[in-house]
Amino acid sequence: MAVQISPSILAADFARLADEAAAVPNADWLHVDVMDYHFVPNLTLGLPVVEALRKATATPLDCHLMIADPDRWAPQYAEAGAGSVTIHAEAARAPIRTLREIRSLGARAGLALNPATAVEPYEDLLGEIDMLLLMTVEPGFGGQKFLDVVLPKIRRARALVQRHGGAIWLQVDGGVDAETIGRCAEAGADVFVAGSAVYGASDPVAAVDELRAAATRAMA
């Protein structure tokens, strides 16, 4: 497994998004949290910002849709140039159709699960996705404390992925920092979303390097 770091612009300065994207040239992805105040109790940004950000950075965009109608909107994020589009299992009404449409438009398709959502019922969907995202906080707000209760689910998810060939990326999002990333990596995660740990640091580049090194050590 190769470690990938996806800094979340939810923790960045929204008035300077182009500069904030440029501040982490060593990141593998830029994580874009799209929230609609329906699926989660927060309102962030949407398609126009993603389209503008796509023009401002060469770093691929990792769009995480925390919205009530992902079946309608997810394909438009792929069309807008997102490299990866993740929908929530709890919100999608036609997940297979939507995941296939995301892929058909050239983006990686991701499926996200809230902390209390079991991974096993979605095993049959693993063939439809490129990435499984396990939330390690309740979705909706940045800066929350990491939920250790999710660690056993990460291990079970890794076992399921391995059973299906191991090609699916396993991402964690929420409370990931230099201390918690090692536990996630040891449990089987390989893609890590970090907001405050990167954009709250005095040196975001060094923060990304530190996170990558910590995860790599835990995988060794």
Protein backbone atom coordinates (compact mmCIF):
# COMPACT_ATOMS: atom_id res chain seq x y z
CA MET A 1 0.00 0.00 0.00
CA ALA A 2 1.26 3.47 -0.87
CA VAL A 3 0.53 6.30 1.55
CA GLN A 4 -1.45 9.19 0.08
CA ILE A 5 -2.14 12.47 1.87
CA SER A 6 -5.21 14.55 0.99
CA PRO A 7 -5.24 17.91 2.82
CA SER A 8 -8.78 19.16 3.41
CA ILE A 9 -9.44 22.70 2.25
CA LEU A 10 -12.26 22.83 4.82
CA ALA A 11 -9.51 23.97 7.18
CA ALA A 12 -8.00 26.39 4.67
CA ASP A 13 -8.68 30.11 4.21
CA PHE A 14 -11.64 30.21 1.82
CA ALA A 15 -10.69 33.73 0.74
CA ARG A 16 -7.33 32.43 -0.53
CA LEU A 17 -8.12 28.98 -1.89
CA ALA A 18 -5.74 29.16 -4.86
CA ASP A 19 -2.89 30.16 -2.55
CA GLU A 20 -3.87 27.50 -0.02
CA ALA A 21 -3.85 24.85 -2.75
CA ALA A 22 -0.39 25.99 -3.80
CA ALA A 23 0.80 25.78 -0.18
CA VAL A 24 0.83 21.96 -0.28
CA PRO A 25 2.62 21.01 -3.52
CA ASN A 26 3.68 17.69 -1.93
CA ALA A 27 0.07 16.57 -1.37
CA ASP A 28 -1.32 13.72 -3.44
CA TRP A 29 -4.83 15.19 -3.51
CA LEU A 30 -6.79 18.19 -2.31
CA HIS A 31 -9.83 17.06 -0.34
CA VAL A 32 -12.94 19.14 -1.05
CA ASP A 33 -15.75 18.77 1.50
CA VAL A 34 -19.07 19.59 -0.14
CA MET A 35 -21.87 20.04 2.42
CA ASP A 36 -25.45 21.10 1.74
CA TYR A 37 -26.96 21.70 5.22
CA HIS A 38 -29.32 18.77 4.64
CA PHE A 39 -27.28 15.58 4.93
CA VAL A 40 -25.01 17.31 7.44
CA PRO A 41 -25.65 20.44 9.56
CA ASN A 42 -23.17 22.62 7.72
CA LEU A 43 -22.96 24.50 4.41
CA THR A 44 -19.61 24.80 2.65
CA LEU A 45 -19.01 25.06 -1.09
CA GLY A 46 -20.17 23.57 -4.36
CA LEU A 47 -19.62 23.19 -8.07
CA PRO A 48 -18.55 26.76 -8.94
CA VAL A 49 -15.74 26.64 -6.39
CA VAL A 50 -14.62 23.21 -7.59
CA GLU A 51 -14.57 24.43 -11.18
CA ALA A 52 -12.51 27.47 -10.19
CA LEU A 53 -10.13 25.45 -8.03
CA ARG A 54 -9.59 22.95 -10.85
CA LYS A 55 -8.22 25.80 -12.97
CA ALA A 56 -6.00 27.06 -10.15
CA THR A 57 -4.11 23.88 -9.23
CA ALA A 58 -2.59 20.84 -10.88
CA THR A 59 -3.19 18.76 -7.73
CA PRO A 60 -6.14 16.42 -8.35
CA LEU A 61 -9.33 17.17 -6.45
CA ASP A 62 -10.82 14.60 -4.10
CA CYS A 63 -14.47 15.66 -3.78
CA HIS A 64 -16.36 14.26 -0.77
CA LEU A 65 -20.09 14.87 -1.22
CA MET A 66 -21.85 15.14 2.13
CA ILE A 67 -25.13 16.01 0.47
CA ALA A 68 -28.69 14.74 0.44
CA ASP A 69 -29.00 13.94 -3.27
CA PRO A 70 -25.63 12.63 -4.50
CA ASP A 71 -27.27 10.67 -7.32
CA ARG A 72 -28.22 13.98 -8.94
CA TRP A 73 -25.08 15.96 -8.26
CA ALA A 74 -22.12 13.56 -8.20
CA PRO A 75 -21.74 13.23 -11.99
CA GLN A 76 -21.49 17.01 -12.30
CA TYR A 77 -18.46 17.03 -10.02
CA ALA A 78 -16.79 14.47 -12.25
CA GLU A 79 -17.64 16.63 -15.26
CA ALA A 80 -16.17 19.64 -13.44
CA GLY A 81 -12.80 17.89 -13.37
CA ALA A 82 -12.66 16.19 -9.98
CA GLY A 83 -10.22 13.30 -9.98
CA SER A 84 -12.24 11.44 -7.36
CA VAL A 85 -15.89 11.78 -6.33
CA THR A 86 -17.15 10.11 -3.16
CA ILE A 87 -20.82 9.68 -2.26
CA HIS A 88 -22.31 8.60 1.07
CA ALA A 89 -23.97 5.21 1.27
CA GLU A 90 -26.49 6.69 3.70
CA ALA A 91 -27.64 9.29 1.17
CA ALA A 92 -27.50 7.52 -2.19
CA ARG A 93 -30.71 6.02 -3.52
CA ALA A 94 -29.15 4.42 -6.60
CA PRO A 95 -25.50 3.93 -5.61
CA ILE A 96 -24.53 1.45 -8.32
CA ARG A 97 -25.86 3.65 -11.11
CA THR A 98 -24.24 6.75 -9.63
CA LEU A 99 -20.86 5.09 -9.00
CA ARG A 100 -20.81 3.74 -12.54
CA GLU A 101 -21.65 7.15 -13.95
CA ILE A 102 -18.81 8.76 -11.97
CA ARG A 103 -16.40 6.22 -13.43
CA SER A 104 -17.78 6.65 -16.94
CA LEU A 105 -16.93 10.35 -16.72
CA GLY A 106 -13.30 9.59 -15.95
CA ALA A 107 -13.18 10.07 -12.17
CA ARG A 108 -12.47 7.58 -9.43
CA ALA A 109 -15.64 6.51 -7.61
CA GLY A 110 -15.72 6.48 -3.82
CA LEU A 111 -18.23 5.26 -1.26
CA ALA A 112 -18.27 6.85 2.21
CA LEU A 113 -19.63 5.39 5.45
CA ASN A 114 -20.45 7.27 8.64
CA PRO A 115 -18.89 6.02 11.91
CA ALA A 116 -21.96 4.01 12.93
CA THR A 117 -22.53 2.48 9.48
CA ALA A 118 -21.25 -1.09 9.20
CA VAL A 119 -19.03 -1.91 6.24
CA GLU A 120 -20.13 -5.52 5.72
CA PRO A 121 -23.54 -4.75 4.11
CA TYR A 122 -21.69 -2.91 1.32
CA GLU A 123 -19.27 -5.70 0.42
CA ASP A 124 -21.17 -6.39 -2.80
CA LEU A 125 -20.49 -2.81 -3.93
CA LEU A 126 -16.71 -3.12 -3.70
CA GLY A 127 -16.53 -4.03 -7.37
CA GLU A 128 -18.16 -0.70 -8.20
CA ILE A 129 -15.73 1.57 -6.33
CA ASP A 130 -12.13 2.72 -6.44
CA MET A 131 -12.05 3.99 -2.87
CA LEU A 132 -13.85 3.28 0.40
CA LEU A 133 -13.97 6.24 2.81
CA LEU A 134 -14.52 5.54 6.49
CA MET A 135 -15.45 8.62 8.50
CA THR A 136 -13.50 8.78 11.76
CA VAL A 137 -15.67 11.63 13.08
CA GLU A 138 -19.34 12.43 12.59
CA PRO A 139 -19.46 14.28 9.26
CA GLY A 140 -20.23 17.97 9.10
CA PHE A 141 -17.46 19.90 10.83
CA GLY A 142 -13.68 20.03 10.84
CA GLY A 143 -11.50 19.98 13.91
CA GLN A 144 -13.29 17.14 15.67
CA LYS A 145 -11.63 14.53 17.88
CA PHE A 146 -10.74 11.22 16.26
CA LEU A 147 -13.11 8.36 17.11
CA ASP A 148 -11.08 5.31 18.11
CA VAL A 149 -14.24 3.20 17.87
CA VAL A 150 -13.79 3.19 14.09
CA LEU A 151 -10.39 1.42 14.19
CA PRO A 152 -11.87 -2.12 14.26
CA LYS A 153 -14.03 -1.19 11.26
CA ILE A 154 -10.91 -0.07 9.37
CA ARG A 155 -9.40 -3.50 10.02
CA ARG A 156 -12.54 -5.28 8.85
CA ALA A 157 -12.69 -3.07 5.76
CA ARG A 158 -9.07 -3.85 4.91
CA ALA A 159 -9.83 -7.57 5.18
CA LEU A 160 -12.78 -7.18 2.81
CA VAL A 161 -10.68 -5.19 0.35
CA GLN A 162 -7.96 -7.83 0.43
CA ARG A 163 -10.57 -10.50 -0.22
CA HIS A 164 -11.57 -8.62 -3.36
CA GLY A 165 -8.06 -8.22 -4.71
CA GLY A 166 -6.76 -5.27 -2.70
CA ALA A 167 -7.01 -2.65 -5.46
CA ILE A 168 -9.45 -0.40 -3.60
CA TRP A 169 -8.00 2.54 -1.67
CA LEU A 170 -9.10 2.79 1.96
CA GLN A 171 -9.43 6.40 3.07
CA VAL A 172 -10.03 7.84 6.55
CA ASP A 173 -11.36 11.31 7.24
CA GLY A 174 -11.70 13.11 10.57
CA GLY A 175 -9.33 13.93 13.40
CA VAL A 176 -6.31 12.67 11.46
CA ASP A 177 -3.08 14.15 12.75
CA ALA A 178 0.52 13.11 13.43
CA GLU A 179 -0.60 11.03 16.42
CA THR A 180 -3.72 9.30 15.06
CA ILE A 181 -2.51 8.64 11.51
CA GLY A 182 -0.26 5.82 12.68
CA ARG A 183 -3.16 3.96 14.26
CA CYS A 184 -5.20 4.32 11.07
CA ALA A 185 -2.32 3.10 8.92
CA GLU A 186 -1.66 0.14 11.20
CA ALA A 187 -5.36 -0.77 10.94
CA GLY A 188 -5.18 -0.77 7.14
CA ALA A 189 -5.93 2.72 5.81
CA ASP A 190 -3.71 4.06 3.02
CA VAL A 191 -5.31 7.42 2.06
CA PHE A 192 -5.54 10.07 4.77
CA VAL A 193 -7.57 13.26 4.86
CA ALA A 194 -6.10 15.89 7.17
CA GLY A 195 -7.44 19.40 7.61
CA SER A 196 -6.34 21.22 10.74
CA ALA A 197 -3.18 19.10 10.99
CA VAL A 198 -2.03 20.58 7.67
CA TYR A 199 -3.62 24.01 7.31
CA GLY A 200 -3.35 24.76 11.01
CA ALA A 201 0.40 24.11 10.94
CA SER A 202 2.96 26.87 10.57
CA ASP A 203 4.54 24.92 7.70
CA PRO A 204 1.91 22.95 5.69
CA VAL A 205 4.57 21.29 3.50
CA ALA A 206 6.41 19.95 6.54
CA ALA A 207 3.09 18.84 8.04
CA VAL A 208 2.27 16.77 4.94
CA ASP A 209 5.74 15.21 5.04
CA GLU A 210 5.37 14.42 8.74
CA LEU A 211 1.99 12.76 8.22
CA ARG A 212 3.31 10.70 5.32
CA ALA A 213 6.33 9.58 7.33
CA ALA A 214 4.20 8.63 10.36
CA ALA A 215 1.84 6.54 8.24
CA THR A 216 4.71 4.88 6.38
CA ARG A 217 6.39 3.90 9.64
CA ALA A 218 3.14 2.37 10.92
CA MET A 219 2.79 0.28 7.78
CA ALA A 220 6.34 -1.08 7.97
